[in-house]
Amino acid sequence: MLMNFTNIKKRIVLTGGPGGGKTTALDLIRREFQGKIATVPEAATMIFSGGIERSIDNAVLKTQQTAIFNLQKHLEDIQRAMFKHSIILCDRGCLDGLAYWPDSDEDFFKEMNTTIENELARYDAVIFFESAAKSGESIKSNNPIRNESEKTAIALDDKLQTIWSKHPNFNLIHSSESFINKVMFGIATIEKIMAQYEKDKE
């Protein structure tokens, strides 16, 4: 099945393994493009910080990931409807849940009633911040719902890279890069999307 990326959707995913610095970077990028972009908060953080406990039970985990998937889509659609002429910058995307799914990829897409082609086609670009754990750095943070070990963070990063690298506009920022370089790369990627959108309007 071929994907159609000719229509600019003005929607970008900022994702990566735990401890990549994406959430802090997203806030800085949002300030840089104030009035030109609208951000979508991370659905998983909204759910787990709202009183729902993370679970390792497969049945519960599937239910949680289904809720996260649907909330992510609705949040993106809300921002798209409210900010029709803005770039939508998403703190993670609909496919992130696939890395946490306890069953096969086929089972995930069957449960979500979608395909990987459809989900990738929602976005114009993917900016991927590799986990700091891949450079041997600590990923401890003040976020109480982020409790992954360095080993788990590396495994999740690998899964997420495998998933998102299927996008034709996948932009990987290695963990060895300085944080400032990560932010500047994110800004440059967004500027390219904006320039392409303006060109397509002509």
N, C-alpha and C. Protein backbone atom coordinates (compact mmCIF):
# COMPACT_ATOMS: atom_id res chain seq x y z
N MET A 1 0.85 -1.20 0.00
CA MET A 1 0.00 0.00 0.00
C MET A 1 0.88 1.25 0.00
N LEU A 2 0.71 2.12 -1.00
CA LEU A 2 1.52 3.32 -1.09
C LEU A 2 0.93 4.44 -0.27
N MET A 3 1.82 5.23 0.36
CA MET A 3 1.39 6.36 1.16
C MET A 3 1.42 7.64 0.32
N ASN A 4 0.47 8.50 0.52
CA ASN A 4 0.42 9.76 -0.18
C ASN A 4 0.87 10.88 0.76
N PHE A 5 2.07 11.38 0.52
CA PHE A 5 2.61 12.45 1.35
C PHE A 5 2.63 13.77 0.59
N THR A 6 1.86 13.85 -0.48
CA THR A 6 1.88 15.06 -1.29
C THR A 6 1.11 16.20 -0.64
N ASN A 7 0.11 15.89 0.16
CA ASN A 7 -0.66 16.93 0.83
C ASN A 7 -0.02 17.27 2.16
N ILE A 8 0.34 18.53 2.32
CA ILE A 8 0.98 18.95 3.56
C ILE A 8 -0.06 19.00 4.68
N LYS A 9 0.19 18.25 5.71
CA LYS A 9 -0.73 18.19 6.84
C LYS A 9 -0.30 19.13 7.97
N LYS A 10 0.94 19.65 7.85
CA LYS A 10 1.48 20.58 8.84
C LYS A 10 1.45 19.98 10.24
N ARG A 11 1.85 18.73 10.32
CA ARG A 11 1.83 18.03 11.61
C ARG A 11 3.16 17.30 11.78
N ILE A 12 3.86 17.59 12.87
CA ILE A 12 5.19 17.03 13.11
C ILE A 12 5.20 16.31 14.45
N VAL A 13 5.84 15.15 14.47
CA VAL A 13 6.01 14.39 15.71
C VAL A 13 7.39 14.65 16.28
N LEU A 14 7.45 14.98 17.55
CA LEU A 14 8.71 15.04 18.28
C LEU A 14 8.69 13.88 19.26
N THR A 15 9.54 12.89 19.02
CA THR A 15 9.50 11.68 19.82
C THR A 15 10.90 11.18 20.12
N GLY A 16 11.01 10.00 20.71
CA GLY A 16 12.31 9.42 21.04
C GLY A 16 12.23 8.56 22.27
N GLY A 17 13.34 7.93 22.60
CA GLY A 17 13.39 7.10 23.78
C GLY A 17 13.35 7.92 25.06
N PRO A 18 13.03 7.28 26.19
CA PRO A 18 13.00 7.99 27.47
C PRO A 18 14.34 8.67 27.75
N GLY A 19 14.27 9.91 28.24
CA GLY A 19 15.50 10.61 28.59
C GLY A 19 16.21 11.23 27.42
N GLY A 20 15.46 11.55 26.36
CA GLY A 20 16.07 12.18 25.19
C GLY A 20 16.04 13.70 25.24
N GLY A 21 15.27 14.26 26.16
CA GLY A 21 15.18 15.71 26.28
C GLY A 21 14.12 16.35 25.41
N LYS A 22 13.23 15.53 24.84
CA LYS A 22 12.27 16.07 23.89
C LYS A 22 11.27 17.03 24.52
N THR A 23 10.83 16.75 25.74
CA THR A 23 9.80 17.59 26.36
C THR A 23 10.33 18.99 26.62
N THR A 24 11.57 19.08 27.12
CA THR A 24 12.19 20.39 27.34
C THR A 24 12.42 21.09 26.01
N ALA A 25 12.89 20.34 25.02
CA ALA A 25 13.12 20.92 23.70
C ALA A 25 11.83 21.43 23.09
N LEU A 26 10.75 20.68 23.26
CA LEU A 26 9.47 21.08 22.69
C LEU A 26 9.03 22.44 23.25
N ASP A 27 9.25 22.64 24.54
CA ASP A 27 8.88 23.92 25.15
C ASP A 27 9.69 25.06 24.56
N LEU A 28 10.99 24.85 24.33
CA LEU A 28 11.84 25.88 23.75
C LEU A 28 11.46 26.16 22.30
N ILE A 29 11.16 25.09 21.56
CA ILE A 29 10.75 25.25 20.17
C ILE A 29 9.42 26.01 20.08
N ARG A 30 8.51 25.68 20.99
CA ARG A 30 7.21 26.37 21.01
C ARG A 30 7.40 27.87 21.22
N ARG A 31 8.32 28.24 22.09
CA ARG A 31 8.57 29.66 22.33
C ARG A 31 9.20 30.33 21.12
N GLU A 32 10.07 29.60 20.43
CA GLU A 32 10.73 30.14 19.24
C GLU A 32 9.72 30.47 18.14
N PHE A 33 8.70 29.62 18.00
CA PHE A 33 7.71 29.79 16.94
C PHE A 33 6.37 30.28 17.49
N GLN A 34 6.42 31.06 18.51
CA GLN A 34 5.19 31.53 19.16
C GLN A 34 4.25 32.17 18.14
N GLY A 35 3.02 31.66 18.12
CA GLY A 35 2.03 32.17 17.19
C GLY A 35 2.01 31.45 15.86
N LYS A 36 3.02 30.63 15.60
CA LYS A 36 3.10 29.91 14.33
C LYS A 36 2.87 28.42 14.47
N ILE A 37 3.03 27.89 15.69
CA ILE A 37 2.80 26.47 15.92
C ILE A 37 1.87 26.29 17.12
N ALA A 38 1.21 25.16 17.13
CA ALA A 38 0.39 24.76 18.28
C ALA A 38 0.88 23.38 18.72
N THR A 39 1.05 23.19 20.00
CA THR A 39 1.60 21.93 20.49
C THR A 39 0.50 21.01 21.00
N VAL A 40 0.78 19.72 20.90
CA VAL A 40 -0.11 18.69 21.43
C VAL A 40 0.61 18.01 22.59
N PRO A 41 0.05 18.03 23.79
CA PRO A 41 0.72 17.41 24.94
C PRO A 41 0.77 15.90 24.82
N GLU A 42 1.67 15.27 25.55
CA GLU A 42 1.81 13.81 25.50
C GLU A 42 0.62 13.16 26.18
N ALA A 43 -0.10 12.33 25.43
CA ALA A 43 -1.32 11.70 25.94
C ALA A 43 -1.04 10.79 27.13
N ALA A 44 0.06 10.03 27.07
CA ALA A 44 0.38 9.11 28.16
C ALA A 44 0.61 9.85 29.47
N THR A 45 1.30 10.98 29.40
CA THR A 45 1.54 11.78 30.61
C THR A 45 0.23 12.29 31.18
N MET A 46 -0.68 12.72 30.32
CA MET A 46 -1.97 13.21 30.79
C MET A 46 -2.73 12.12 31.54
N ILE A 47 -2.70 10.90 31.00
CA ILE A 47 -3.43 9.80 31.62
C ILE A 47 -2.78 9.36 32.94
N PHE A 48 -1.47 9.15 32.91
CA PHE A 48 -0.81 8.60 34.09
C PHE A 48 -0.60 9.64 35.20
N SER A 49 -0.59 10.90 34.84
CA SER A 49 -0.49 11.93 35.88
C SER A 49 -1.86 12.30 36.44
N GLY A 50 -2.91 11.73 35.83
CA GLY A 50 -4.27 12.04 36.27
C GLY A 50 -4.84 11.02 37.23
N GLY A 51 -4.00 10.10 37.70
CA GLY A 51 -4.46 9.15 38.70
C GLY A 51 -4.48 7.70 38.25
N ILE A 52 -4.24 7.45 36.98
CA ILE A 52 -4.18 6.08 36.47
C ILE A 52 -2.75 5.54 36.67
N GLU A 53 -2.64 4.39 37.31
CA GLU A 53 -1.32 3.82 37.56
C GLU A 53 -0.85 3.00 36.37
N ARG A 54 0.44 3.06 36.10
CA ARG A 54 1.02 2.23 35.04
C ARG A 54 0.95 0.77 35.48
N SER A 55 0.74 -0.11 34.51
CA SER A 55 0.56 -1.52 34.83
C SER A 55 1.47 -2.38 33.96
N ILE A 56 1.83 -3.56 34.48
CA ILE A 56 2.59 -4.54 33.70
C ILE A 56 1.72 -5.74 33.32
N ASP A 57 0.47 -5.71 33.76
CA ASP A 57 -0.48 -6.75 33.37
C ASP A 57 -0.86 -6.54 31.91
N ASN A 58 -0.71 -7.55 31.09
CA ASN A 58 -0.91 -7.39 29.65
C ASN A 58 -2.31 -6.90 29.28
N ALA A 59 -3.32 -7.43 29.94
CA ALA A 59 -4.69 -7.02 29.62
C ALA A 59 -4.91 -5.55 29.96
N VAL A 60 -4.42 -5.16 31.13
CA VAL A 60 -4.56 -3.75 31.54
C VAL A 60 -3.71 -2.86 30.64
N LEU A 61 -2.50 -3.31 30.32
CA LEU A 61 -1.60 -2.53 29.48
C LEU A 61 -2.22 -2.27 28.11
N LYS A 62 -2.87 -3.27 27.55
CA LYS A 62 -3.53 -3.08 26.26
C LYS A 62 -4.64 -2.03 26.36
N THR A 63 -5.41 -2.10 27.43
CA THR A 63 -6.48 -1.12 27.62
C THR A 63 -5.92 0.28 27.76
N GLN A 64 -4.84 0.41 28.52
CA GLN A 64 -4.20 1.72 28.70
C GLN A 64 -3.66 2.26 27.39
N GLN A 65 -2.98 1.41 26.63
CA GLN A 65 -2.41 1.87 25.37
C GLN A 65 -3.48 2.22 24.35
N THR A 66 -4.60 1.53 24.40
CA THR A 66 -5.72 1.87 23.52
C THR A 66 -6.26 3.26 23.87
N ALA A 67 -6.38 3.53 25.17
CA ALA A 67 -6.85 4.84 25.62
C ALA A 67 -5.87 5.94 25.20
N ILE A 68 -4.58 5.67 25.34
CA ILE A 68 -3.55 6.64 24.96
C ILE A 68 -3.61 6.92 23.47
N PHE A 69 -3.74 5.87 22.68
CA PHE A 69 -3.81 5.99 21.22
C PHE A 69 -4.99 6.88 20.82
N ASN A 70 -6.16 6.61 21.36
CA ASN A 70 -7.35 7.38 21.00
C ASN A 70 -7.27 8.82 21.49
N LEU A 71 -6.75 9.00 22.71
CA LEU A 71 -6.60 10.36 23.23
C LEU A 71 -5.62 11.16 22.38
N GLN A 72 -4.51 10.54 21.99
CA GLN A 72 -3.53 11.22 21.15
C GLN A 72 -4.17 11.72 19.86
N LYS A 73 -4.95 10.86 19.22
CA LYS A 73 -5.61 11.25 17.97
C LYS A 73 -6.57 12.42 18.19
N HIS A 74 -7.35 12.33 19.24
CA HIS A 74 -8.34 13.39 19.50
C HIS A 74 -7.65 14.71 19.85
N LEU A 75 -6.57 14.65 20.62
CA LEU A 75 -5.85 15.88 20.95
C LEU A 75 -5.28 16.54 19.70
N GLU A 76 -4.72 15.72 18.82
CA GLU A 76 -4.19 16.26 17.56
C GLU A 76 -5.31 16.89 16.73
N ASP A 77 -6.44 16.22 16.67
CA ASP A 77 -7.55 16.73 15.86
C ASP A 77 -8.14 18.01 16.45
N ILE A 78 -8.14 18.10 17.77
CA ILE A 78 -8.62 19.33 18.43
C ILE A 78 -7.73 20.51 18.05
N GLN A 79 -6.41 20.32 18.17
CA GLN A 79 -5.49 21.40 17.83
C GLN A 79 -5.55 21.74 16.35
N ARG A 80 -5.73 20.71 15.51
CA ARG A 80 -5.83 20.97 14.07
C ARG A 80 -7.06 21.83 13.76
N ALA A 81 -8.17 21.54 14.44
CA ALA A 81 -9.40 22.30 14.21
C ALA A 81 -9.30 23.72 14.76
N MET A 82 -8.61 23.87 15.88
CA MET A 82 -8.51 25.19 16.52
C MET A 82 -7.46 26.08 15.84
N PHE A 83 -6.41 25.47 15.34
CA PHE A 83 -5.31 26.25 14.75
C PHE A 83 -5.11 25.78 13.30
N LYS A 84 -6.03 26.19 12.45
CA LYS A 84 -6.08 25.70 11.08
C LYS A 84 -4.85 26.07 10.25
N HIS A 85 -4.20 27.17 10.59
CA HIS A 85 -3.09 27.66 9.77
C HIS A 85 -1.75 27.54 10.48
N SER A 86 -1.70 26.72 11.50
CA SER A 86 -0.46 26.56 12.27
C SER A 86 0.15 25.18 12.07
N ILE A 87 1.44 25.10 12.28
CA ILE A 87 2.10 23.80 12.38
C ILE A 87 1.66 23.16 13.70
N ILE A 88 1.29 21.89 13.65
CA ILE A 88 0.93 21.17 14.86
C ILE A 88 2.14 20.32 15.27
N LEU A 89 2.70 20.62 16.43
CA LEU A 89 3.87 19.91 16.93
C LEU A 89 3.44 18.98 18.06
N CYS A 90 3.60 17.68 17.83
CA CYS A 90 3.08 16.67 18.76
C CYS A 90 4.16 16.11 19.67
N ASP A 91 3.90 16.12 20.97
CA ASP A 91 4.77 15.46 21.94
C ASP A 91 4.42 13.97 21.89
N ARG A 92 5.14 13.26 21.06
CA ARG A 92 4.89 11.87 20.68
C ARG A 92 3.71 11.79 19.71
N GLY A 93 3.60 10.63 19.04
CA GLY A 93 2.56 10.44 18.05
C GLY A 93 1.81 9.15 18.27
N CYS A 94 0.87 8.89 17.40
CA CYS A 94 -0.03 7.73 17.57
C CYS A 94 0.71 6.40 17.57
N LEU A 95 1.85 6.32 16.89
CA LEU A 95 2.56 5.05 16.79
C LEU A 95 3.48 4.76 17.98
N ASP A 96 3.65 5.69 18.87
CA ASP A 96 4.52 5.45 20.03
C ASP A 96 4.03 4.27 20.87
N GLY A 97 2.72 4.12 20.95
CA GLY A 97 2.16 3.04 21.76
C GLY A 97 2.53 1.66 21.27
N LEU A 98 2.91 1.54 19.99
CA LEU A 98 3.30 0.25 19.44
C LEU A 98 4.54 -0.30 20.15
N ALA A 99 5.42 0.58 20.62
CA ALA A 99 6.64 0.15 21.31
C ALA A 99 6.33 -0.42 22.69
N TYR A 100 5.16 -0.07 23.24
CA TYR A 100 4.77 -0.53 24.57
C TYR A 100 3.75 -1.67 24.51
N TRP A 101 3.32 -2.02 23.30
CA TRP A 101 2.27 -3.02 23.14
C TRP A 101 2.82 -4.41 23.50
N PRO A 102 2.13 -5.17 24.35
CA PRO A 102 2.66 -6.46 24.81
C PRO A 102 2.48 -7.62 23.84
N ASP A 103 1.79 -7.37 22.73
CA ASP A 103 1.54 -8.42 21.76
C ASP A 103 2.18 -8.05 20.42
N SER A 104 1.82 -8.71 19.36
CA SER A 104 2.43 -8.48 18.05
C SER A 104 1.99 -7.15 17.44
N ASP A 105 2.76 -6.69 16.46
CA ASP A 105 2.39 -5.48 15.74
C ASP A 105 1.03 -5.65 15.07
N GLU A 106 0.82 -6.83 14.49
CA GLU A 106 -0.45 -7.11 13.82
C GLU A 106 -1.62 -6.97 14.78
N ASP A 107 -1.42 -7.44 16.00
CA ASP A 107 -2.48 -7.35 17.01
C ASP A 107 -2.76 -5.89 17.36
N PHE A 108 -1.71 -5.08 17.45
CA PHE A 108 -1.87 -3.65 17.76
C PHE A 108 -2.74 -2.98 16.70
N PHE A 109 -2.40 -3.17 15.43
CA PHE A 109 -3.13 -2.50 14.36
C PHE A 109 -4.56 -3.03 14.22
N LYS A 110 -4.74 -4.30 14.54
CA LYS A 110 -6.09 -4.85 14.52
C LYS A 110 -6.94 -4.23 15.62
N GLU A 111 -6.36 -4.11 16.82
CA GLU A 111 -7.09 -3.52 17.96
C GLU A 111 -7.42 -2.05 17.71
N MET A 112 -6.50 -1.33 17.06
CA MET A 112 -6.69 0.10 16.83
C MET A 112 -7.45 0.36 15.53
N ASN A 113 -7.75 -0.69 14.77
CA ASN A 113 -8.48 -0.58 13.52
C ASN A 113 -7.81 0.40 12.56
N THR A 114 -6.51 0.17 12.35
CA THR A 114 -5.76 1.05 11.47
C THR A 114 -4.59 0.28 10.87
N THR A 115 -3.72 0.98 10.16
CA THR A 115 -2.51 0.39 9.59
C THR A 115 -1.34 1.32 9.86
N ILE A 116 -0.14 0.79 9.74
CA ILE A 116 1.02 1.64 9.95
C ILE A 116 1.10 2.71 8.86
N GLU A 117 0.63 2.37 7.65
CA GLU A 117 0.63 3.35 6.56
C GLU A 117 -0.27 4.54 6.89
N ASN A 118 -1.45 4.25 7.42
CA ASN A 118 -2.38 5.33 7.77
C ASN A 118 -1.82 6.23 8.86
N GLU A 119 -1.17 5.62 9.84
CA GLU A 119 -0.67 6.41 10.97
C GLU A 119 0.55 7.24 10.58
N LEU A 120 1.43 6.68 9.77
CA LEU A 120 2.58 7.46 9.30
C LEU A 120 2.13 8.63 8.44
N ALA A 121 1.07 8.41 7.67
CA ALA A 121 0.58 9.43 6.75
C ALA A 121 -0.07 10.62 7.46
N ARG A 122 -0.28 10.51 8.77
CA ARG A 122 -0.85 11.62 9.53
C ARG A 122 0.16 12.77 9.68
N TYR A 123 1.43 12.47 9.49
CA TYR A 123 2.47 13.43 9.85
C TYR A 123 3.35 13.79 8.66
N ASP A 124 3.81 15.03 8.64
CA ASP A 124 4.72 15.50 7.60
C ASP A 124 6.17 15.12 7.90
N ALA A 125 6.50 15.06 9.16
CA ALA A 125 7.89 14.78 9.53
C ALA A 125 7.95 14.21 10.94
N VAL A 126 9.05 13.52 11.20
CA VAL A 126 9.31 12.96 12.53
C VAL A 126 10.69 13.43 12.98
N ILE A 127 10.74 14.04 14.15
CA ILE A 127 12.01 14.43 14.76
C ILE A 127 12.24 13.50 15.95
N PHE A 128 13.31 12.74 15.90
CA PHE A 128 13.55 11.70 16.89
C PHE A 128 14.77 12.04 17.74
N PHE A 129 14.54 12.24 19.04
CA PHE A 129 15.62 12.49 20.00
C PHE A 129 16.02 11.17 20.64
N GLU A 130 17.19 10.70 20.31
CA GLU A 130 17.67 9.43 20.85
C GLU A 130 17.89 9.54 22.36
N SER A 131 17.58 8.47 23.08
CA SER A 131 17.72 8.46 24.53
C SER A 131 19.16 8.69 24.96
N ALA A 132 19.34 9.47 26.01
CA ALA A 132 20.67 9.72 26.56
C ALA A 132 21.32 8.45 27.08
N ALA A 133 20.49 7.45 27.38
CA ALA A 133 21.01 6.17 27.87
C ALA A 133 21.92 5.52 26.83
N LYS A 134 21.72 5.84 25.56
CA LYS A 134 22.55 5.24 24.51
C LYS A 134 23.97 5.78 24.49
N SER A 135 24.17 6.88 25.20
CA SER A 135 25.52 7.43 25.34
C SER A 135 26.07 7.17 26.74
N GLY A 136 25.38 6.30 27.47
CA GLY A 136 25.83 5.96 28.81
C GLY A 136 25.50 6.99 29.87
N GLU A 137 24.59 7.91 29.54
CA GLU A 137 24.22 8.96 30.48
C GLU A 137 22.98 8.57 31.29
N SER A 138 22.81 9.22 32.41
CA SER A 138 21.65 8.97 33.26
C SER A 138 20.40 9.57 32.61
N ILE A 139 19.28 8.91 32.82
CA ILE A 139 18.02 9.44 32.28
C ILE A 139 17.06 9.81 33.41
N LYS A 140 17.59 9.95 34.61
CA LYS A 140 16.74 10.33 35.74
C LYS A 140 16.16 11.71 35.49
N SER A 141 14.89 11.85 35.86
CA SER A 141 14.23 13.15 35.68
C SER A 141 13.28 13.40 36.84
N ASN A 142 12.69 14.58 36.81
CA ASN A 142 11.72 14.95 37.84
C ASN A 142 10.31 14.50 37.49
N ASN A 143 10.17 13.82 36.34
CA ASN A 143 8.86 13.33 35.92
C ASN A 143 8.56 12.02 36.66
N PRO A 144 7.58 12.02 37.58
CA PRO A 144 7.32 10.84 38.40
C PRO A 144 6.80 9.63 37.63
N ILE A 145 6.27 9.83 36.42
CA ILE A 145 5.74 8.68 35.67
C ILE A 145 6.81 8.06 34.78
N ARG A 146 7.98 8.68 34.69
CA ARG A 146 9.08 8.13 33.92
C ARG A 146 10.00 7.36 34.86
N ASN A 147 9.82 6.06 34.92
CA ASN A 147 10.59 5.25 35.88
C ASN A 147 11.41 4.16 35.19
N GLU A 148 11.66 4.32 33.88
CA GLU A 148 12.43 3.31 33.15
C GLU A 148 13.89 3.31 33.57
N SER A 149 14.48 2.13 33.57
CA SER A 149 15.91 2.01 33.79
C SER A 149 16.63 2.36 32.49
N GLU A 150 17.96 2.54 32.57
CA GLU A 150 18.73 2.83 31.36
C GLU A 150 18.59 1.69 30.34
N LYS A 151 18.60 0.45 30.81
CA LYS A 151 18.47 -0.71 29.92
C LYS A 151 17.12 -0.70 29.22
N THR A 152 16.06 -0.43 29.97
CA THR A 152 14.72 -0.37 29.38
C THR A 152 14.61 0.79 28.40
N ALA A 153 15.23 1.91 28.74
CA ALA A 153 15.18 3.08 27.87
C ALA A 153 15.83 2.79 26.52
N ILE A 154 16.95 2.07 26.54
CA ILE A 154 17.63 1.71 25.29
C ILE A 154 16.76 0.79 24.45
N ALA A 155 16.12 -0.20 25.09
CA ALA A 155 15.25 -1.13 24.37
C ALA A 155 14.06 -0.40 23.75
N LEU A 156 13.46 0.53 24.49
CA LEU A 156 12.34 1.30 23.97
C LEU A 156 12.77 2.22 22.84
N ASP A 157 13.95 2.80 22.99
CA ASP A 157 14.48 3.67 21.95
C ASP A 157 14.66 2.89 20.65
N ASP A 158 15.21 1.68 20.75
CA ASP A 158 15.39 0.84 19.57
C ASP A 158 14.06 0.53 18.89
N LYS A 159 13.06 0.19 19.71
CA LYS A 159 11.73 -0.12 19.15
C LYS A 159 11.13 1.10 18.46
N LEU A 160 11.22 2.24 19.12
CA LEU A 160 10.63 3.46 18.57
C LEU A 160 11.34 3.89 17.28
N GLN A 161 12.67 3.74 17.25
CA GLN A 161 13.39 4.08 16.02
C GLN A 161 12.98 3.18 14.87
N THR A 162 12.81 1.88 15.15
CA THR A 162 12.39 0.94 14.12
C THR A 162 11.03 1.33 13.56
N ILE A 163 10.13 1.75 14.43
CA ILE A 163 8.78 2.14 14.01
C ILE A 163 8.80 3.43 13.19
N TRP A 164 9.36 4.49 13.76
CA TRP A 164 9.27 5.81 13.15
C TRP A 164 10.20 5.99 11.96
N SER A 165 11.27 5.20 11.87
CA SER A 165 12.21 5.34 10.75
C SER A 165 11.57 4.94 9.43
N LYS A 166 10.40 4.34 9.48
CA LYS A 166 9.67 4.00 8.25
C LYS A 166 9.08 5.24 7.58
N HIS A 167 9.03 6.35 8.31
CA HIS A 167 8.51 7.58 7.74
C HIS A 167 9.55 8.16 6.77
N PRO A 168 9.12 8.63 5.58
CA PRO A 168 10.07 9.15 4.59
C PRO A 168 10.78 10.42 5.00
N ASN A 169 10.25 11.12 6.00
CA ASN A 169 10.90 12.34 6.50
C ASN A 169 11.25 12.14 7.98
N PHE A 170 12.06 11.11 8.22
CA PHE A 170 12.50 10.76 9.57
C PHE A 170 13.84 11.44 9.85
N ASN A 171 13.89 12.19 10.95
CA ASN A 171 15.08 12.96 11.30
C ASN A 171 15.60 12.52 12.65
N LEU A 172 16.73 11.82 12.65
CA LEU A 172 17.30 11.27 13.87
C LEU A 172 18.37 12.20 14.44
N ILE A 173 18.22 12.52 15.72
CA ILE A 173 19.22 13.32 16.43
C ILE A 173 19.85 12.42 17.47
N HIS A 174 21.12 12.09 17.29
CA HIS A 174 21.80 11.14 18.17
C HIS A 174 22.00 11.71 19.57
N SER A 175 22.06 10.81 20.53
CA SER A 175 22.19 11.22 21.93
C SER A 175 23.52 11.92 22.20
N SER A 176 24.50 11.69 21.34
CA SER A 176 25.81 12.31 21.53
C SER A 176 25.81 13.80 21.21
N GLU A 177 24.78 14.26 20.50
CA GLU A 177 24.67 15.68 20.18
C GLU A 177 24.40 16.49 21.45
N SER A 178 24.88 17.73 21.45
CA SER A 178 24.59 18.61 22.58
C SER A 178 23.11 18.96 22.57
N PHE A 179 22.59 19.33 23.73
CA PHE A 179 21.17 19.65 23.80
C PHE A 179 20.83 20.84 22.93
N ILE A 180 21.72 21.82 22.88
CA ILE A 180 21.49 23.00 22.05
C ILE A 180 21.40 22.60 20.59
N ASN A 181 22.28 21.70 20.15
CA ASN A 181 22.23 21.23 18.77
C ASN A 181 20.93 20.50 18.48
N LYS A 182 20.43 19.75 19.46
CA LYS A 182 19.15 19.06 19.29
C LYS A 182 18.03 20.06 19.05
N VAL A 183 17.99 21.10 19.86
CA VAL A 183 16.94 22.11 19.73
C VAL A 183 17.05 22.83 18.38
N MET A 184 18.28 23.19 17.99
CA MET A 184 18.48 23.89 16.72
C MET A 184 18.09 23.02 15.54
N PHE A 185 18.37 21.72 15.63
CA PHE A 185 17.98 20.81 14.55
C PHE A 185 16.46 20.74 14.45
N GLY A 186 15.80 20.68 15.60
CA GLY A 186 14.34 20.67 15.60
C GLY A 186 13.76 21.92 14.97
N ILE A 187 14.34 23.06 15.30
CA ILE A 187 13.89 24.33 14.73
C ILE A 187 14.09 24.35 13.23
N ALA A 188 15.26 23.88 12.77
CA ALA A 188 15.55 23.87 11.34
C ALA A 188 14.59 22.97 10.58
N THR A 189 14.24 21.83 11.17
CA THR A 189 13.30 20.91 10.53
C THR A 189 11.92 21.54 10.37
N ILE A 190 11.48 22.23 11.41
CA ILE A 190 10.18 22.89 11.36
C ILE A 190 10.19 24.01 10.33
N GLU A 191 11.28 24.74 10.24
CA GLU A 191 11.39 25.81 9.26
C GLU A 191 11.28 25.26 7.83
N LYS A 192 11.86 24.08 7.60
CA LYS A 192 11.77 23.45 6.28
C LYS A 192 10.33 23.10 5.95
N ILE A 193 9.61 22.57 6.93
CA ILE A 193 8.20 22.22 6.71
C ILE A 193 7.39 23.48 6.40
N MET A 194 7.65 24.55 7.13
CA MET A 194 6.95 25.81 6.89
C MET A 194 7.23 26.34 5.49
N ALA A 195 8.50 26.28 5.08
CA ALA A 195 8.88 26.77 3.76
C ALA A 195 8.21 25.95 2.66
N GLN A 196 8.14 24.63 2.85
CA GLN A 196 7.50 23.77 1.87
C GLN A 196 6.01 24.08 1.77
N TYR A 197 5.39 24.33 2.93
CA TYR A 197 3.97 24.66 2.94
C TYR A 197 3.69 25.95 2.18
N GLU A 198 4.52 26.97 2.40
CA GLU A 198 4.35 28.23 1.71
C GLU A 198 4.56 28.07 0.21
N LYS A 199 5.53 27.23 -0.16
CA LYS A 199 5.79 26.97 -1.57
C LYS A 199 4.61 26.29 -2.24
N ASP A 200 4.00 25.32 -1.53
CA ASP A 200 2.87 24.58 -2.08
C ASP A 200 1.63 25.45 -2.24
N LYS A 201 1.55 26.53 -1.47
CA LYS A 201 0.39 27.43 -1.55
C LYS A 201 0.47 28.34 -2.78
N GLU A 202 1.68 28.50 -3.31
CA GLU A 202 1.86 29.43 -4.44
C GLU A 202 1.20 28.91 -5.71
